[in-house]
Amino acid sequence: MKITRIEPTVAVLKPKKRVAAYARVSMESDRLNHSLSAQISCYSNLIQKNPEWEFAGVYADRGISGGSISRRAEFKRLVEDCDAGKIDIILCKSISRFARNVVDLLETVRHLKFIGVDVWFEKEAIWTFQARGEILLTILSSLSQEEARSISENVTWGLRKKFADGKFSVGYSRFLGYDKGEDGNLAINEEQAKTVRLIFGLFIEGLTPCAIAKELTKRGILTVTGKSKWNATTINGVLANEKYTGCARIQKTFTPDFLTKKAVKNTGQVPSYFVEQSHPAIIPPATFELVQTEVVRRKQEGIRYSGVSIFSGKIKCGECGGFFGAKVWHSTDKYRRVIYRCNKKYDGHKCQTPHVTEEEIKAAFVTAFNKLVTETIAQRSAKGERLAGFIRTLEAQREPVAEFDERLWGAMVDYVTVGADGGMTVVFREGAKV
């Protein structure tokens, strides 16, 4: 038997490998962004110079931690493109750039290996298709994870030492009312401080955060970031920020997992600190405490509190305990007026309490307030001192008032009870009844 070899006459071209690169920096800074740009440029040139490779792009995450892949949009897009069959090889500077979490790293590498995608880690000189690849990856990624843990613990220790010394930092560009002073501490921005005081004042007068946002927008007042439209979330944030009193609550949140870096509310798991007189105040502490009390009261009122009127949720029926609601009489003619009556009066309950007008409520408040001020000034008992302090800390007037004052009403009145005879009892926030 004779066998003759026939040489191939057609050249078989080996398909080019589609090669992509992945790069990441963990913080936004000029230095690190320059490093990222250098990585992108380096890998782009490296891939395109290789005649056996076809450039499939560079995927880069900026300012994202390597502790978890969940927040890395570009990393996830890279894996999705691999799943779609667009990539054969991935180049990466080091294991820590790819992932610091051992589980994430191994799961991702195994998945890529299963779908036929090889990964090259330049620093460690590892190809994942190599037999020794996974063993080395497990060892080196564990070391990388421990390094991340050590760095996180050192940073955490430094921050907590700083907190214990009463030092803290804020995002000045998003902190309404303050700028960074020459000494590095908080300095009042007087123009923005007017807005802060207005927000607290409007809330005390009875407006809801949503209504305050609409009012500021209507007045053309800009937000701290220069936007023309306000929202209730921003208003709530201002009202809840104790820093406006010149004090600071430090370590409100903490990060229990150095890999996910997800902050959670500190409810006693780690020490927190309250620093008094740490910087100039915009809002008196008593006014701030009043607002917090009012926030709780409104939550307890639930859907009853609408904030449509300064009298909303503050007029009670002395007979059934229900709230009075506003009704409009003669809404389309010159005799139009707003009255308040028990919401349960015509709902199976035959309360004998009459309706009251806004003018009557205002008059009752002025009378009760003036009586309270007169008694407080005349009597210096323990009770009297407590009420005097109450009025003083709320920046209320010490002398009788001639007419109704919305701010005093909002600041001082808890509710008004209307009796069957039409008489009204004003219950002040400190419990005094007049």
Protein backbone atom coordinates (compact mmCIF):
# COMPACT_ATOMS: atom_id res chain seq x y z
CA MET A 1 0.00 0.00 0.00
CA LYS A 2 1.40 3.36 -1.02
CA ILE A 3 0.38 6.61 0.77
CA THR A 4 1.15 10.01 -0.72
CA ARG A 5 0.79 13.21 1.36
CA ILE A 6 -0.94 16.04 -0.46
CA GLU A 7 0.03 19.43 0.97
CA PRO A 8 -2.75 22.00 1.58
CA THR A 9 -3.01 24.63 -1.10
CA VAL A 10 -5.43 26.97 0.73
CA ALA A 11 -4.21 28.89 3.76
CA VAL A 12 -6.46 28.54 6.79
CA LEU A 13 -6.65 31.86 8.62
CA LYS A 14 -6.72 31.64 12.39
CA PRO A 15 -9.50 33.93 13.68
CA LYS A 16 -8.34 36.85 15.78
CA LYS A 17 -9.09 36.83 19.49
CA ARG A 18 -11.46 39.58 20.58
CA VAL A 19 -9.68 41.23 23.48
CA ALA A 20 -11.08 43.72 26.01
CA ALA A 21 -9.54 45.30 29.09
CA TYR A 22 -10.97 46.20 32.49
CA ALA A 23 -9.72 49.07 34.65
CA ARG A 24 -10.92 50.57 37.94
CA VAL A 25 -10.00 53.24 40.48
CA SER A 26 -11.68 53.33 43.89
CA MET A 27 -11.84 57.11 44.42
CA GLU A 28 -12.52 60.21 42.36
CA SER A 29 -9.36 62.33 42.32
CA ASP A 30 -7.18 63.98 39.71
CA ARG A 31 -4.31 61.60 40.48
CA LEU A 32 -6.41 58.45 40.28
CA ASN A 33 -8.32 59.61 37.23
CA HIS A 34 -4.95 60.21 35.56
CA SER A 35 -3.97 56.64 36.51
CA LEU A 36 -7.20 55.32 35.02
CA SER A 37 -6.66 57.25 31.80
CA ALA A 38 -3.14 55.83 31.60
CA GLN A 39 -4.47 52.28 32.02
CA ILE A 40 -7.07 52.81 29.30
CA SER A 41 -4.50 54.23 26.90
CA CYS A 42 -1.94 51.50 27.66
CA TYR A 43 -4.34 48.62 27.12
CA SER A 44 -5.87 50.17 24.02
CA ASN A 45 -2.43 50.42 22.41
CA LEU A 46 -1.35 46.97 23.62
CA ILE A 47 -4.38 45.22 22.14
CA GLN A 48 -4.34 47.07 18.85
CA LYS A 49 -0.62 46.40 18.30
CA ASN A 50 -1.06 42.64 18.52
CA PRO A 51 -1.84 41.27 15.04
CA GLU A 52 -3.59 38.24 16.55
CA TRP A 53 -5.96 40.36 18.60
CA GLU A 54 -9.03 42.39 17.73
CA PHE A 55 -9.80 45.39 19.97
CA ALA A 56 -13.09 44.82 21.85
CA GLY A 57 -12.96 47.93 24.06
CA VAL A 58 -11.87 49.05 27.50
CA TYR A 59 -14.37 48.93 30.37
CA ALA A 60 -13.59 51.33 33.22
CA ASP A 61 -15.26 52.09 36.57
CA ARG A 62 -14.39 55.40 38.23
CA GLY A 63 -14.63 56.05 41.97
CA ILE A 64 -16.07 52.60 42.74
CA SER A 65 -14.86 50.17 45.41
CA GLY A 66 -13.75 46.70 44.40
CA GLY A 67 -15.40 45.15 47.46
CA SER A 68 -18.55 44.24 45.54
CA ILE A 69 -19.51 44.00 41.88
CA SER A 70 -23.09 45.18 42.48
CA ARG A 71 -22.34 48.90 41.98
CA ARG A 72 -19.82 48.52 39.15
CA ALA A 73 -21.81 49.27 36.01
CA GLU A 74 -18.90 48.84 33.60
CA PHE A 75 -17.83 45.54 35.16
CA LYS A 76 -21.35 44.17 34.81
CA ARG A 77 -21.50 45.40 31.21
CA LEU A 78 -18.21 43.60 30.54
CA VAL A 79 -19.60 40.29 31.82
CA GLU A 80 -22.83 40.79 29.85
CA ASP A 81 -20.81 41.31 26.65
CA CYS A 82 -18.84 38.15 27.42
CA ASP A 83 -22.13 36.28 27.81
CA ALA A 84 -23.21 37.68 24.46
CA GLY A 85 -20.13 36.14 22.81
CA LYS A 86 -18.42 39.46 22.03
CA ILE A 87 -15.17 38.86 23.99
CA ASP A 88 -12.59 36.06 24.13
CA ILE A 89 -9.93 37.54 26.41
CA ILE A 90 -9.96 40.11 29.22
CA LEU A 91 -6.83 41.97 30.32
CA CYS A 92 -6.62 43.44 33.84
CA LYS A 93 -3.82 45.15 35.72
CA SER A 94 -4.22 43.09 38.91
CA ILE A 95 -6.55 40.85 40.87
CA SER A 96 -7.46 43.70 43.25
CA ARG A 97 -8.58 45.83 40.29
CA PHE A 98 -10.86 43.01 39.15
CA ALA A 99 -12.37 42.23 42.59
CA ARG A 100 -11.29 42.30 46.24
CA ASN A 101 -14.07 39.96 47.33
CA VAL A 102 -12.80 36.36 47.04
CA VAL A 103 -16.28 34.92 46.40
CA ASP A 104 -17.08 37.49 43.68
CA LEU A 105 -13.69 36.94 42.04
CA LEU A 106 -13.84 33.14 41.89
CA GLU A 107 -17.49 33.00 40.85
CA THR A 108 -16.90 35.49 38.03
CA VAL A 109 -13.69 33.85 36.82
CA ARG A 110 -15.29 30.38 36.84
CA HIS A 111 -18.28 31.69 34.92
CA LEU A 112 -16.04 33.35 32.33
CA LYS A 113 -13.96 30.19 32.05
CA PHE A 114 -17.12 28.13 31.50
CA ILE A 115 -18.21 30.34 28.58
CA GLY A 116 -14.71 30.30 27.11
CA VAL A 117 -13.33 33.69 28.18
CA ASP A 118 -9.74 33.79 29.48
CA VAL A 119 -8.57 36.51 31.91
CA TRP A 120 -4.99 37.80 32.17
CA PHE A 121 -3.88 39.42 35.44
CA GLU A 122 -0.75 41.39 34.55
CA LYS A 123 0.71 42.01 38.02
CA GLU A 124 0.36 38.38 39.14
CA ALA A 125 1.15 36.95 35.65
CA ILE A 126 -1.84 34.61 35.75
CA TRP A 127 -3.94 33.27 32.88
CA THR A 128 -7.17 31.81 34.26
CA PHE A 129 -7.11 29.02 31.65
CA GLN A 130 -3.86 27.74 33.14
CA ALA A 131 -4.08 24.68 35.42
CA ARG A 132 -2.47 26.59 38.30
CA GLY A 133 -4.66 29.65 37.70
CA GLU A 134 -7.49 29.01 40.18
CA ILE A 135 -5.17 27.91 43.01
CA LEU A 136 -3.11 31.06 42.65
CA LEU A 137 -6.23 33.20 42.32
CA THR A 138 -7.67 31.80 45.55
CA ILE A 139 -4.46 32.48 47.48
CA LEU A 140 -3.77 35.92 46.03
CA SER A 141 -7.37 37.15 46.15
CA SER A 142 -7.55 36.10 49.83
CA LEU A 143 -4.48 38.22 50.48
CA SER A 144 -6.04 41.09 48.55
CA GLN A 145 -9.23 40.81 50.59
CA GLU A 146 -7.31 40.83 53.85
CA GLU A 147 -5.38 43.87 52.66
CA ALA A 148 -8.70 45.60 51.99
CA ARG A 149 -9.91 44.62 55.46
CA SER A 150 -6.75 46.04 57.05
CA ILE A 151 -7.04 49.30 55.13
CA SER A 152 -10.73 49.60 56.08
CA GLU A 153 -10.00 48.99 59.77
CA ASN A 154 -7.21 51.59 59.77
CA VAL A 155 -9.48 54.16 58.09
CA THR A 156 -12.31 53.35 60.52
CA TRP A 157 -10.00 53.71 63.52
CA GLY A 158 -8.78 57.07 62.23
CA LEU A 159 -12.31 58.34 61.70
CA ARG A 160 -13.50 57.24 65.14
CA LYS A 161 -10.48 58.86 66.76
CA LYS A 162 -11.36 62.04 64.86
CA PHE A 163 -15.00 61.79 66.00
CA ALA A 164 -13.94 61.25 69.62
CA ASP A 165 -11.99 64.53 69.37
CA GLY A 166 -15.15 66.29 68.22
CA LYS A 167 -13.95 66.72 64.64
CA PHE A 168 -16.16 66.11 61.62
CA SER A 169 -16.49 67.10 57.99
CA VAL A 170 -19.46 68.02 55.78
CA GLY A 171 -20.14 68.34 52.10
CA TYR A 172 -20.06 72.13 51.88
CA SER A 173 -21.38 72.23 48.32
CA ARG A 174 -24.61 70.61 49.51
CA PHE A 175 -24.91 72.08 53.01
CA LEU A 176 -27.43 74.94 52.97
CA GLY A 177 -26.49 77.81 55.27
CA TYR A 178 -22.77 77.22 55.75
CA ASP A 179 -19.48 77.66 53.91
CA LYS A 180 -16.01 76.46 54.81
CA GLY A 181 -14.38 79.23 56.86
CA GLU A 182 -10.77 80.36 56.70
CA ASP A 183 -9.99 78.26 59.77
CA GLY A 184 -11.47 75.18 58.09
CA ASN A 185 -14.57 75.17 60.28
CA LEU A 186 -18.19 75.93 59.45
CA ALA A 187 -18.93 79.60 58.75
CA ILE A 188 -22.44 80.96 58.28
CA ASN A 189 -23.46 81.92 54.75
CA GLU A 190 -25.79 84.77 55.69
CA GLU A 191 -27.82 84.71 52.47
CA GLN A 192 -28.46 80.99 52.70
CA ALA A 193 -29.07 81.25 56.45
CA LYS A 194 -32.12 83.42 55.68
CA THR A 195 -33.58 80.49 53.77
CA VAL A 196 -32.86 78.09 56.63
CA ARG A 197 -34.63 80.38 59.11
CA LEU A 198 -37.52 80.78 56.67
CA ILE A 199 -37.92 77.00 56.39
CA PHE A 200 -38.06 76.56 60.17
CA GLY A 201 -40.40 79.53 60.51
CA LEU A 202 -42.85 78.30 57.87
CA PHE A 203 -42.92 74.86 59.45
CA ILE A 204 -43.69 76.32 62.87
CA GLU A 205 -46.46 78.41 61.30
CA GLY A 206 -48.12 75.19 60.18
CA LEU A 207 -46.91 74.47 56.65
CA THR A 208 -45.98 70.93 55.64
CA PRO A 209 -42.56 70.21 54.05
CA CYS A 210 -44.33 69.84 50.70
CA ALA A 211 -46.06 73.21 51.13
CA ILE A 212 -42.76 74.84 52.18
CA ALA A 213 -41.05 73.44 49.07
CA LYS A 214 -43.79 74.93 46.88
CA GLU A 215 -43.53 78.28 48.69
CA LEU A 216 -39.76 78.53 48.25
CA THR A 217 -40.09 77.58 44.59
CA LYS A 218 -42.80 80.20 44.11
CA ARG A 219 -40.60 82.87 45.72
CA GLY A 220 -37.77 82.08 43.32
CA ILE A 221 -35.35 81.04 46.07
CA LEU A 222 -32.66 78.71 44.75
CA THR A 223 -31.59 75.48 46.41
CA VAL A 224 -28.03 75.06 47.67
CA THR A 225 -27.13 73.41 44.35
CA GLY A 226 -28.64 76.25 42.33
CA LYS A 227 -31.88 74.54 41.33
CA SER A 228 -35.11 76.52 41.13
CA LYS A 229 -37.39 73.70 42.33
CA TRP A 230 -37.46 72.49 45.92
CA ASN A 231 -38.81 69.17 47.19
CA ALA A 232 -40.15 67.88 50.50
CA THR A 233 -37.17 65.54 51.00
CA THR A 234 -34.77 68.50 51.04
CA ILE A 235 -37.00 70.39 53.47
CA ASN A 236 -37.21 67.40 55.82
CA GLY A 237 -33.41 67.11 55.71
CA VAL A 238 -33.01 70.76 56.77
CA LEU A 239 -35.59 70.44 59.57
CA ALA A 240 -33.89 67.32 60.98
CA ASN A 241 -30.29 68.63 60.86
CA GLU A 242 -29.12 69.47 64.37
CA LYS A 243 -26.04 71.24 62.99
CA TYR A 244 -28.16 74.34 62.46
CA THR A 245 -28.18 74.74 66.27
CA GLY A 246 -24.39 74.96 66.44
CA CYS A 247 -24.13 71.35 67.65
CA ALA A 248 -23.19 68.19 65.82
CA ARG A 249 -24.22 64.57 66.22
CA ILE A 250 -21.29 62.49 64.95
CA GLN A 251 -21.33 58.87 63.75
CA LYS A 252 -25.02 58.73 62.86
CA THR A 253 -24.20 55.86 60.52
CA PHE A 254 -21.47 53.26 60.25
CA THR A 255 -20.28 50.62 57.77
CA PRO A 256 -20.43 47.07 59.20
CA ASP A 257 -19.14 45.32 56.06
CA PHE A 258 -15.90 46.57 54.53
CA LEU A 259 -16.66 44.75 51.29
CA THR A 260 -20.13 46.15 50.52
CA LYS A 261 -19.30 49.50 52.20
CA LYS A 262 -23.03 50.00 52.77
CA ALA A 263 -23.71 52.50 55.56
CA VAL A 264 -26.45 51.66 58.08
CA LYS A 265 -28.06 53.72 60.83
CA ASN A 266 -26.17 53.66 64.12
CA THR A 267 -28.69 52.62 66.75
CA GLY A 268 -26.10 51.89 69.42
CA GLN A 269 -23.84 49.39 67.66
CA VAL A 270 -20.86 51.79 67.78
CA PRO A 271 -20.15 54.90 69.89
CA SER A 272 -21.62 58.21 68.74
CA TYR A 273 -20.75 61.72 69.91
CA PHE A 274 -22.68 64.93 70.46
CA VAL A 275 -20.54 68.05 70.19
CA GLU A 276 -22.00 71.25 71.61
CA GLN A 277 -21.07 74.73 70.39
CA SER A 278 -18.87 73.29 67.67
CA HIS A 279 -19.72 76.09 65.22
CA PRO A 280 -21.96 79.20 64.88
CA ALA A 281 -25.69 78.49 65.16
CA ILE A 282 -28.34 79.59 62.67
CA ILE A 283 -31.35 78.26 64.62
CA PRO A 284 -31.82 78.48 68.43
CA PRO A 285 -31.74 75.01 70.04
CA ALA A 286 -35.21 75.52 71.54
CA THR A 287 -36.67 76.29 68.11
CA PHE A 288 -35.07 73.12 66.73
CA GLU A 289 -36.49 71.03 69.59
CA LEU A 290 -39.91 72.60 69.01
CA VAL A 291 -39.79 71.54 65.37
CA GLN A 292 -38.83 67.96 66.29
CA THR A 293 -41.75 67.83 68.72
CA GLU A 294 -44.07 69.18 66.04
CA VAL A 295 -42.81 66.58 63.55
CA VAL A 296 -43.74 63.82 66.00
CA ARG A 297 -47.14 65.40 66.67
CA ARG A 298 -47.94 65.62 62.98
CA LYS A 299 -46.99 61.97 62.46
CA GLN A 300 -49.33 61.04 65.29
CA GLU A 301 -52.08 63.12 63.68
CA GLY A 302 -51.52 61.06 60.54
CA ILE A 303 -53.85 61.89 57.67
CA ARG A 304 -55.71 64.40 59.85
CA TYR A 305 -52.87 66.90 59.49
CA SER A 306 -53.08 68.54 56.07
CA GLY A 307 -51.14 71.74 56.65
CA VAL A 308 -53.64 73.53 54.41
CA SER A 309 -54.37 76.00 57.20
CA ILE A 310 -52.52 77.01 60.34
CA PHE A 311 -55.61 75.74 62.21
CA SER A 312 -55.46 72.26 60.63
CA GLY A 313 -55.44 69.52 63.25
CA LYS A 314 -55.51 72.00 66.12
CA ILE A 315 -59.21 72.52 66.87
CA LYS A 316 -60.82 69.77 68.96
CA CYS A 317 -64.41 69.06 69.89
CA GLY A 318 -64.83 69.23 73.67
CA GLU A 319 -67.69 66.74 73.49
CA CYS A 320 -66.54 63.84 71.29
CA GLY A 321 -62.82 64.58 71.09
CA GLY A 322 -62.90 64.69 67.30
CA PHE A 323 -61.20 67.34 65.20
CA PHE A 324 -62.86 70.32 63.62
CA GLY A 325 -62.65 70.69 59.86
CA ALA A 326 -62.82 73.82 57.71
CA LYS A 327 -66.00 74.63 55.78
CA VAL A 328 -66.54 77.56 53.45
CA TRP A 329 -69.78 79.51 53.58
CA HIS A 330 -70.93 81.74 50.72
CA SER A 331 -67.89 80.69 48.69
CA THR A 332 -68.95 82.64 45.59
CA ASP A 333 -70.20 85.93 46.99
CA LYS A 334 -69.05 88.82 49.13
CA TYR A 335 -70.22 87.11 52.34
CA ARG A 336 -67.65 84.35 51.98
CA ARG A 337 -66.09 83.17 55.24
CA VAL A 338 -64.36 80.10 56.66
CA ILE A 339 -65.82 78.34 59.67
CA TYR A 340 -64.70 75.26 61.60
CA ARG A 341 -67.05 72.58 62.91
CA CYS A 342 -66.75 69.08 64.34
CA ASN A 343 -66.11 66.55 61.58
CA LYS A 344 -68.29 63.99 63.41
CA LYS A 345 -71.25 66.34 63.93
CA TYR A 346 -73.18 64.89 61.01
CA ASP A 347 -71.62 61.42 61.06
CA GLY A 348 -73.93 59.65 63.48
CA HIS A 349 -72.87 61.92 66.37
CA LYS A 350 -75.05 64.77 67.54
CA CYS A 351 -72.42 66.94 69.20
CA GLN A 352 -73.75 70.14 70.69
CA THR A 353 -70.57 72.10 70.02
CA PRO A 354 -71.23 75.00 67.67
CA HIS A 355 -69.10 76.02 64.72
CA VAL A 356 -66.42 78.68 65.27
CA THR A 357 -64.96 81.23 62.89
CA GLU A 358 -61.29 81.97 62.25
CA GLU A 359 -61.81 85.38 63.84
CA GLU A 360 -63.13 83.76 67.03
CA ILE A 361 -60.20 81.33 67.18
CA LYS A 362 -57.71 84.16 66.70
CA ALA A 363 -59.38 86.27 69.38
CA ALA A 364 -59.37 83.36 71.83
CA PHE A 365 -55.65 82.82 71.22
CA VAL A 366 -54.75 86.49 71.71
CA THR A 367 -56.71 86.58 74.98
CA ALA A 368 -55.17 83.32 76.24
CA PHE A 369 -51.65 84.31 75.21
CA ASN A 370 -51.83 87.71 76.89
CA LYS A 371 -53.17 86.10 80.06
CA LEU A 372 -50.34 83.57 80.01
CA VAL A 373 -47.71 86.29 79.57
CA THR A 374 -49.25 88.46 82.32
CA GLU A 375 -49.39 85.59 84.81
CA THR A 376 -45.87 84.51 83.98
CA ILE A 377 -44.41 87.97 84.53
CA ALA A 378 -46.43 88.54 87.70
CA GLN A 379 -45.76 85.15 89.28
CA ARG A 380 -42.24 83.84 89.68
CA SER A 381 -43.13 80.39 91.00
CA ALA A 382 -41.46 77.32 89.66
CA LYS A 383 -44.28 76.96 87.19
CA GLY A 384 -43.92 80.63 86.30
CA GLU A 385 -40.18 80.29 85.68
CA ARG A 386 -40.80 77.26 83.49
CA LEU A 387 -43.33 79.16 81.36
CA ALA A 388 -41.12 82.24 81.24
CA GLY A 389 -38.29 80.08 79.95
CA PHE A 390 -40.68 78.49 77.48
CA ILE A 391 -41.68 81.85 76.08
CA ARG A 392 -38.12 83.17 76.10
CA THR A 393 -36.60 80.18 74.32
CA LEU A 394 -39.23 80.36 71.61
CA GLU A 395 -38.30 83.98 71.03
CA ALA A 396 -41.87 84.96 71.80
CA GLN A 397 -42.89 88.34 73.06
CA ARG A 398 -42.89 89.06 76.78
CA GLU A 399 -45.59 91.71 76.46
CA PRO A 400 -49.28 91.38 75.53
CA VAL A 401 -49.96 91.32 71.81
CA ALA A 402 -52.53 93.51 70.08
CA GLU A 403 -53.42 91.16 67.26
CA PHE A 404 -53.14 87.55 66.12
CA ASP A 405 -49.61 86.37 65.28
CA GLU A 406 -49.33 83.24 63.09
CA ARG A 407 -45.81 82.44 64.26
CA LEU A 408 -46.75 82.61 67.95
CA TRP A 409 -49.77 80.44 67.24
CA GLY A 410 -47.70 77.81 65.44
CA ALA A 411 -44.91 77.91 68.00
CA MET A 412 -46.93 77.76 71.17
CA VAL A 413 -50.33 76.15 70.71
CA ASP A 414 -50.85 72.41 71.00
CA TYR A 415 -54.61 72.55 70.35
CA VAL A 416 -57.81 74.45 71.18
CA THR A 417 -60.85 72.74 72.68
CA VAL A 418 -64.32 74.07 71.79
CA GLY A 419 -67.03 73.48 74.41
CA ALA A 420 -70.76 73.00 73.94
CA ASP A 421 -71.31 76.64 74.89
CA GLY A 422 -68.85 77.84 72.28
CA GLY A 423 -66.17 78.64 74.82
CA MET A 424 -62.60 77.85 73.83
CA THR A 425 -59.72 76.56 75.96
CA VAL A 426 -56.23 77.05 74.56
CA VAL A 427 -53.79 74.28 75.48
CA PHE A 428 -50.18 75.44 75.11
CA ARG A 429 -47.27 73.14 74.29
CA GLU A 430 -45.96 73.14 77.87
CA GLY A 431 -49.31 71.90 79.11
CA ALA A 432 -50.69 75.25 80.34
CA LYS A 433 -54.43 75.71 79.69
CA VAL A 434 -55.98 79.15 79.42
